[in-house]
Amino acid sequence: MESARKEAISCIYCGKKTMCVTYAGSYQYRAVCLSCHKQFGFSAPSRAAADLICRTLQKK
């Protein structure tokens, strides 16, 4: 599985910096928190767009 971001981002659920984003194929990405184990999926047309989504999540 190809990684969308190498570093972990802050989880939108528990706030810990343990959420990892991976490429699931066919424009689909999956974010999974290693602490609280919650996850969500999203679509992005490119890795750059997925990076932008992750940076936007960090600002919340």
PDB file of N, CA and C in Angstrom:
ATOM      1  N   MET A   1       0.842  -1.177   0.000  1.00  0.00           N
ATOM      2  CA  MET A   1       0.000   0.000   0.000  1.00  0.00           C
ATOM      3  C   MET A   1       0.889   1.243   0.000  1.00  0.00           C
ATOM      4  N   GLU A   2       0.606   2.159  -0.831  1.00  0.00           N
ATOM      5  CA  GLU A   2       1.397   3.365  -0.984  1.00  0.00           C
ATOM      6  C   GLU A   2       0.932   4.416   0.027  1.00  0.00           C
ATOM      7  N   SER A   3       1.854   5.095   0.654  1.00  0.00           N
ATOM      8  CA  SER A   3       1.519   6.076   1.687  1.00  0.00           C
ATOM      9  C   SER A   3       1.207   7.437   1.068  1.00  0.00           C
ATOM     10  N   ALA A   4       0.172   8.096   1.564  1.00  0.00           N
ATOM     11  CA  ALA A   4      -0.176   9.434   1.096  1.00  0.00           C
ATOM     12  C   ALA A   4       0.656  10.478   1.833  1.00  0.00           C
ATOM     13  N   ARG A   5       0.862  10.260   3.129  1.00  0.00           N
ATOM     14  CA  ARG A   5       1.685  11.138   3.947  1.00  0.00           C
ATOM     15  C   ARG A   5       2.614  10.274   4.772  1.00  0.00           C
ATOM     16  N   LYS A   6       3.860  10.688   4.870  1.00  0.00           N
ATOM     17  CA  LYS A   6       4.817   9.901   5.636  1.00  0.00           C
ATOM     18  C   LYS A   6       4.672  10.126   7.133  1.00  0.00           C
ATOM     19  N   GLU A   7       4.324  11.350   7.560  1.00  0.00           N
ATOM     20  CA  GLU A   7       4.202  11.625   8.977  1.00  0.00           C
ATOM     21  C   GLU A   7       2.744  11.505   9.420  1.00  0.00           C
ATOM     22  N   ALA A   8       2.559  11.229  10.686  1.00  0.00           N
ATOM     23  CA  ALA A   8       1.205  11.106  11.231  1.00  0.00           C
ATOM     24  C   ALA A   8       0.608  12.504  11.396  1.00  0.00           C
ATOM     25  N   ILE A   9      -0.710  12.575  11.313  1.00  0.00           N
ATOM     26  CA  ILE A   9      -1.416  13.829  11.527  1.00  0.00           C
ATOM     27  C   ILE A   9      -2.279  13.690  12.770  1.00  0.00           C
ATOM     28  N   SER A  10      -2.780  14.813  13.277  1.00  0.00           N
ATOM     29  CA  SER A  10      -3.639  14.775  14.453  1.00  0.00           C
ATOM     30  C   SER A  10      -4.981  14.144  14.109  1.00  0.00           C
ATOM     31  N   CYS A  11      -5.435  13.260  14.974  1.00  0.00           N
ATOM     32  CA  CYS A  11      -6.722  12.584  14.779  1.00  0.00           C
ATOM     33  C   CYS A  11      -7.860  13.580  14.959  1.00  0.00           C
ATOM     34  N   ILE A  12      -8.842  13.537  14.082  1.00  0.00           N
ATOM     35  CA  ILE A  12      -9.984  14.446  14.200  1.00  0.00           C
ATOM     36  C   ILE A  12     -10.951  13.986  15.284  1.00  0.00           C
ATOM     37  N   TYR A  13     -10.751  12.778  15.803  1.00  0.00           N
ATOM     38  CA  TYR A  13     -11.625  12.240  16.843  1.00  0.00           C
ATOM     39  C   TYR A  13     -11.034  12.416  18.239  1.00  0.00           C
ATOM     40  N   CYS A  14      -9.803  11.921  18.467  1.00  0.00           N
ATOM     41  CA  CYS A  14      -9.218  11.960  19.813  1.00  0.00           C
ATOM     42  C   CYS A  14      -8.180  13.069  19.993  1.00  0.00           C
ATOM     43  N   GLY A  15      -7.692  13.660  18.894  1.00  0.00           N
ATOM     44  CA  GLY A  15      -6.744  14.766  18.980  1.00  0.00           C
ATOM     45  C   GLY A  15      -5.278  14.359  19.049  1.00  0.00           C
ATOM     46  N   LYS A  16      -4.975  13.079  19.238  1.00  0.00           N
ATOM     47  CA  LYS A  16      -3.585  12.630  19.297  1.00  0.00           C
ATOM     48  C   LYS A  16      -2.991  12.601  17.891  1.00  0.00           C
ATOM     49  N   LYS A  17      -1.694  12.833  17.820  1.00  0.00           N
ATOM     50  CA  LYS A  17      -1.012  12.880  16.518  1.00  0.00           C
ATOM     51  C   LYS A  17      -0.636  11.472  16.085  1.00  0.00           C
ATOM     52  N   THR A  18      -1.647  10.626  15.890  1.00  0.00           N
ATOM     53  CA  THR A  18      -1.401   9.223  15.541  1.00  0.00           C
ATOM     54  C   THR A  18      -2.264   8.760  14.372  1.00  0.00           C
ATOM     55  N   MET A  19      -2.791   9.692  13.588  1.00  0.00           N
ATOM     56  CA  MET A  19      -3.617   9.317  12.434  1.00  0.00           C
ATOM     57  C   MET A  19      -2.736   9.207  11.197  1.00  0.00           C
ATOM     58  N   CYS A  20      -2.808   8.069  10.529  1.00  0.00           N
ATOM     59  CA  CYS A  20      -2.034   7.818   9.317  1.00  0.00           C
ATOM     60  C   CYS A  20      -2.969   7.718   8.117  1.00  0.00           C
ATOM     61  N   VAL A  21      -2.527   8.243   6.998  1.00  0.00           N
ATOM     62  CA  VAL A  21      -3.320   8.215   5.773  1.00  0.00           C
ATOM     63  C   VAL A  21      -2.616   7.324   4.765  1.00  0.00           C
ATOM     64  N   THR A  22      -3.348   6.369   4.194  1.00  0.00           N
ATOM     65  CA  THR A  22      -2.780   5.465   3.202  1.00  0.00           C
ATOM     66  C   THR A  22      -3.624   5.482   1.933  1.00  0.00           C
ATOM     67  N   TYR A  23      -2.963   5.165   0.833  1.00  0.00           N
ATOM     68  CA  TYR A  23      -3.635   5.085  -0.464  1.00  0.00           C
ATOM     69  C   TYR A  23      -4.265   3.708  -0.602  1.00  0.00           C
ATOM     70  N   ALA A  24      -5.572   3.662  -0.859  1.00  0.00           N
ATOM     71  CA  ALA A  24      -6.280   2.382  -0.966  1.00  0.00           C
ATOM     72  C   ALA A  24      -6.502   1.960  -2.418  1.00  0.00           C
ATOM     73  N   GLY A  25      -6.147   2.801  -3.372  1.00  0.00           N
ATOM     74  CA  GLY A  25      -6.310   2.474  -4.785  1.00  0.00           C
ATOM     75  C   GLY A  25      -7.501   3.173  -5.399  1.00  0.00           C
ATOM     76  N   SER A  26      -7.421   3.442  -6.672  1.00  0.00           N
ATOM     77  CA  SER A  26      -8.514   4.041  -7.428  1.00  0.00           C
ATOM     78  C   SER A  26      -9.017   5.346  -6.808  1.00  0.00           C
ATOM     79  N   TYR A  27      -8.089   6.263  -6.525  1.00  0.00           N
ATOM     80  CA  TYR A  27      -8.381   7.590  -5.956  1.00  0.00           C
ATOM     81  C   TYR A  27      -8.929   7.553  -4.534  1.00  0.00           C
ATOM     82  N   GLN A  28      -8.908   6.423  -3.875  1.00  0.00           N
ATOM     83  CA  GLN A  28      -9.444   6.295  -2.518  1.00  0.00           C
ATOM     84  C   GLN A  28      -8.302   6.305  -1.498  1.00  0.00           C
ATOM     85  N   TYR A  29      -8.500   7.072  -0.433  1.00  0.00           N
ATOM     86  CA  TYR A  29      -7.539   7.141   0.660  1.00  0.00           C
ATOM     87  C   TYR A  29      -8.254   6.774   1.948  1.00  0.00           C
ATOM     88  N   ARG A  30      -7.516   6.236   2.914  1.00  0.00           N
ATOM     89  CA  ARG A  30      -8.096   5.849   4.194  1.00  0.00           C
ATOM     90  C   ARG A  30      -7.239   6.427   5.302  1.00  0.00           C
ATOM     91  N   ALA A  31      -7.896   7.130   6.232  1.00  0.00           N
ATOM     92  CA  ALA A  31      -7.227   7.674   7.409  1.00  0.00           C
ATOM     93  C   ALA A  31      -7.605   6.812   8.601  1.00  0.00           C
ATOM     94  N   VAL A  32      -6.600   6.339   9.327  1.00  0.00           N
ATOM     95  CA  VAL A  32      -6.813   5.464  10.478  1.00  0.00           C
ATOM     96  C   VAL A  32      -6.013   6.002  11.657  1.00  0.00           C
ATOM     97  N   CYS A  33      -6.666   6.110  12.820  1.00  0.00           N
ATOM     98  CA  CYS A  33      -5.980   6.535  14.037  1.00  0.00           C
ATOM     99  C   CYS A  33      -5.442   5.299  14.752  1.00  0.00           C
ATOM    100  N   LEU A  34      -4.164   5.335  15.086  1.00  0.00           N
ATOM    101  CA  LEU A  34      -3.540   4.208  15.768  1.00  0.00           C
ATOM    102  C   LEU A  34      -3.844   4.204  17.268  1.00  0.00           C
ATOM    103  N   SER A  35      -4.390   5.313  17.790  1.00  0.00           N
ATOM    104  CA  SER A  35      -4.734   5.383  19.213  1.00  0.00           C
ATOM    105  C   SER A  35      -6.171   4.951  19.482  1.00  0.00           C
ATOM    106  N   CYS A  36      -7.126   5.627  18.845  1.00  0.00           N
ATOM    107  CA  CYS A  36      -8.542   5.334  19.123  1.00  0.00           C
ATOM    108  C   CYS A  36      -9.149   4.366  18.097  1.00  0.00           C
ATOM    109  N   HIS A  37      -8.402   4.044  17.042  1.00  0.00           N
ATOM    110  CA  HIS A  37      -8.788   3.073  16.004  1.00  0.00           C
ATOM    111  C   HIS A  37      -9.989   3.512  15.163  1.00  0.00           C
ATOM    112  N   LYS A  38     -10.365   4.784  15.226  1.00  0.00           N
ATOM    113  CA  LYS A  38     -11.434   5.267  14.346  1.00  0.00           C
ATOM    114  C   LYS A  38     -10.816   5.540  12.984  1.00  0.00           C
ATOM    115  N   GLN A  39     -11.650   5.460  11.947  1.00  0.00           N
ATOM    116  CA  GLN A  39     -11.145   5.658  10.596  1.00  0.00           C
ATOM    117  C   GLN A  39     -12.208   6.262   9.700  1.00  0.00           C
ATOM    118  N   PHE A  40     -11.757   6.835   8.613  1.00  0.00           N
ATOM    119  CA  PHE A  40     -12.666   7.328   7.586  1.00  0.00           C
ATOM    120  C   PHE A  40     -11.955   7.273   6.250  1.00  0.00           C
ATOM    121  N   GLY A  41     -12.727   7.223   5.193  1.00  0.00           N
ATOM    122  CA  GLY A  41     -12.181   7.197   3.850  1.00  0.00           C
ATOM    123  C   GLY A  41     -12.550   8.467   3.109  1.00  0.00           C
ATOM    124  N   PHE A  42     -11.735   8.830   2.122  1.00  0.00           N
ATOM    125  CA  PHE A  42     -12.054   9.966   1.267  1.00  0.00           C
ATOM    126  C   PHE A  42     -11.459   9.742  -0.110  1.00  0.00           C
ATOM    127  N   SER A  43     -11.969  10.472  -1.067  1.00  0.00           N
ATOM    128  CA  SER A  43     -11.480  10.405  -2.448  1.00  0.00           C
ATOM    129  C   SER A  43     -10.691  11.665  -2.754  1.00  0.00           C
ATOM    130  N   ALA A  44      -9.628  11.502  -3.509  1.00  0.00           N
ATOM    131  CA  ALA A  44      -8.819  12.638  -3.953  1.00  0.00           C
ATOM    132  C   ALA A  44      -8.249  12.285  -5.326  1.00  0.00           C
ATOM    133  N   PRO A  45      -8.210  13.246  -6.238  1.00  0.00           N
ATOM    134  CA  PRO A  45      -7.745  12.961  -7.597  1.00  0.00           C
ATOM    135  C   PRO A  45      -6.237  12.743  -7.711  1.00  0.00           C
ATOM    136  N   SER A  46      -5.472  13.117  -6.671  1.00  0.00           N
ATOM    137  CA  SER A  46      -4.016  12.951  -6.724  1.00  0.00           C
ATOM    138  C   SER A  46      -3.452  12.940  -5.309  1.00  0.00           C
ATOM    139  N   ARG A  47      -2.181  12.574  -5.198  1.00  0.00           N
ATOM    140  CA  ARG A  47      -1.538  12.598  -3.887  1.00  0.00           C
ATOM    141  C   ARG A  47      -1.434  14.031  -3.364  1.00  0.00           C
ATOM    142  N   ALA A  48      -1.225  14.999  -4.259  1.00  0.00           N
ATOM    143  CA  ALA A  48      -1.158  16.400  -3.842  1.00  0.00           C
ATOM    144  C   ALA A  48      -2.492  16.851  -3.245  1.00  0.00           C
ATOM    145  N   ALA A  49      -3.584  16.426  -3.843  1.00  0.00           N
ATOM    146  CA  ALA A  49      -4.904  16.774  -3.311  1.00  0.00           C
ATOM    147  C   ALA A  49      -5.129  16.111  -1.956  1.00  0.00           C
ATOM    148  N   ALA A  50      -4.680  14.873  -1.792  1.00  0.00           N
ATOM    149  CA  ALA A  50      -4.797  14.184  -0.507  1.00  0.00           C
ATOM    150  C   ALA A  50      -3.976  14.909   0.555  1.00  0.00           C
ATOM    151  N   ASP A  51      -2.797  15.391   0.183  1.00  0.00           N
ATOM    152  CA  ASP A  51      -1.960  16.163   1.101  1.00  0.00           C
ATOM    153  C   ASP A  51      -2.669  17.443   1.532  1.00  0.00           C
ATOM    154  N   LEU A  52      -3.312  18.108   0.587  1.00  0.00           N
ATOM    155  CA  LEU A  52      -4.062  19.333   0.898  1.00  0.00           C
ATOM    156  C   LEU A  52      -5.202  19.040   1.872  1.00  0.00           C
ATOM    157  N   ILE A  53      -5.902  17.943   1.661  1.00  0.00           N
ATOM    158  CA  ILE A  53      -6.992  17.556   2.575  1.00  0.00           C
ATOM    159  C   ILE A  53      -6.419  17.319   3.969  1.00  0.00           C
ATOM    160  N   CYS A  54      -5.284  16.643   4.069  1.00  0.00           N
ATOM    161  CA  CYS A  54      -4.664  16.377   5.368  1.00  0.00           C
ATOM    162  C   CYS A  54      -4.230  17.672   6.056  1.00  0.00           C
ATOM    163  N   ARG A  55      -3.670  18.610   5.301  1.00  0.00           N
ATOM    164  CA  ARG A  55      -3.256  19.895   5.891  1.00  0.00           C
ATOM    165  C   ARG A  55      -4.472  20.658   6.378  1.00  0.00           C
ATOM    166  N   THR A  56      -5.582  20.586   5.650  1.00  0.00           N
ATOM    167  CA  THR A  56      -6.811  21.259   6.070  1.00  0.00           C
ATOM    168  C   THR A  56      -7.352  20.646   7.351  1.00  0.00           C
ATOM    169  N   LEU A  57      -7.290  19.332   7.464  1.00  0.00           N
ATOM    170  CA  LEU A  57      -7.738  18.659   8.698  1.00  0.00           C
ATOM    171  C   LEU A  57      -6.887  19.089   9.882  1.00  0.00           C
ATOM    172  N   GLN A  58      -5.603  19.359   9.671  1.00  0.00           N
ATOM    173  CA  GLN A  58      -4.726  19.751  10.748  1.00  0.00           C
ATOM    174  C   GLN A  58      -5.114  21.114  11.335  1.00  0.00           C
ATOM    175  N   LYS A  59      -5.710  21.986  10.527  1.00  0.00           N
ATOM    176  CA  LYS A  59      -6.053  23.334  10.961  1.00  0.00           C
ATOM    177  C   LYS A  59      -7.288  23.379  11.829  1.00  0.00           C
ATOM    178  N   LYS A  60      -8.062  22.276  11.875  1.00  0.00           N
ATOM    179  CA  LYS A  60      -9.298  22.266  12.668  1.00  0.00           C
ATOM    180  C   LYS A  60      -9.022  22.019  14.112  1.00  0.00           C
TER     181      LYS A  60
END
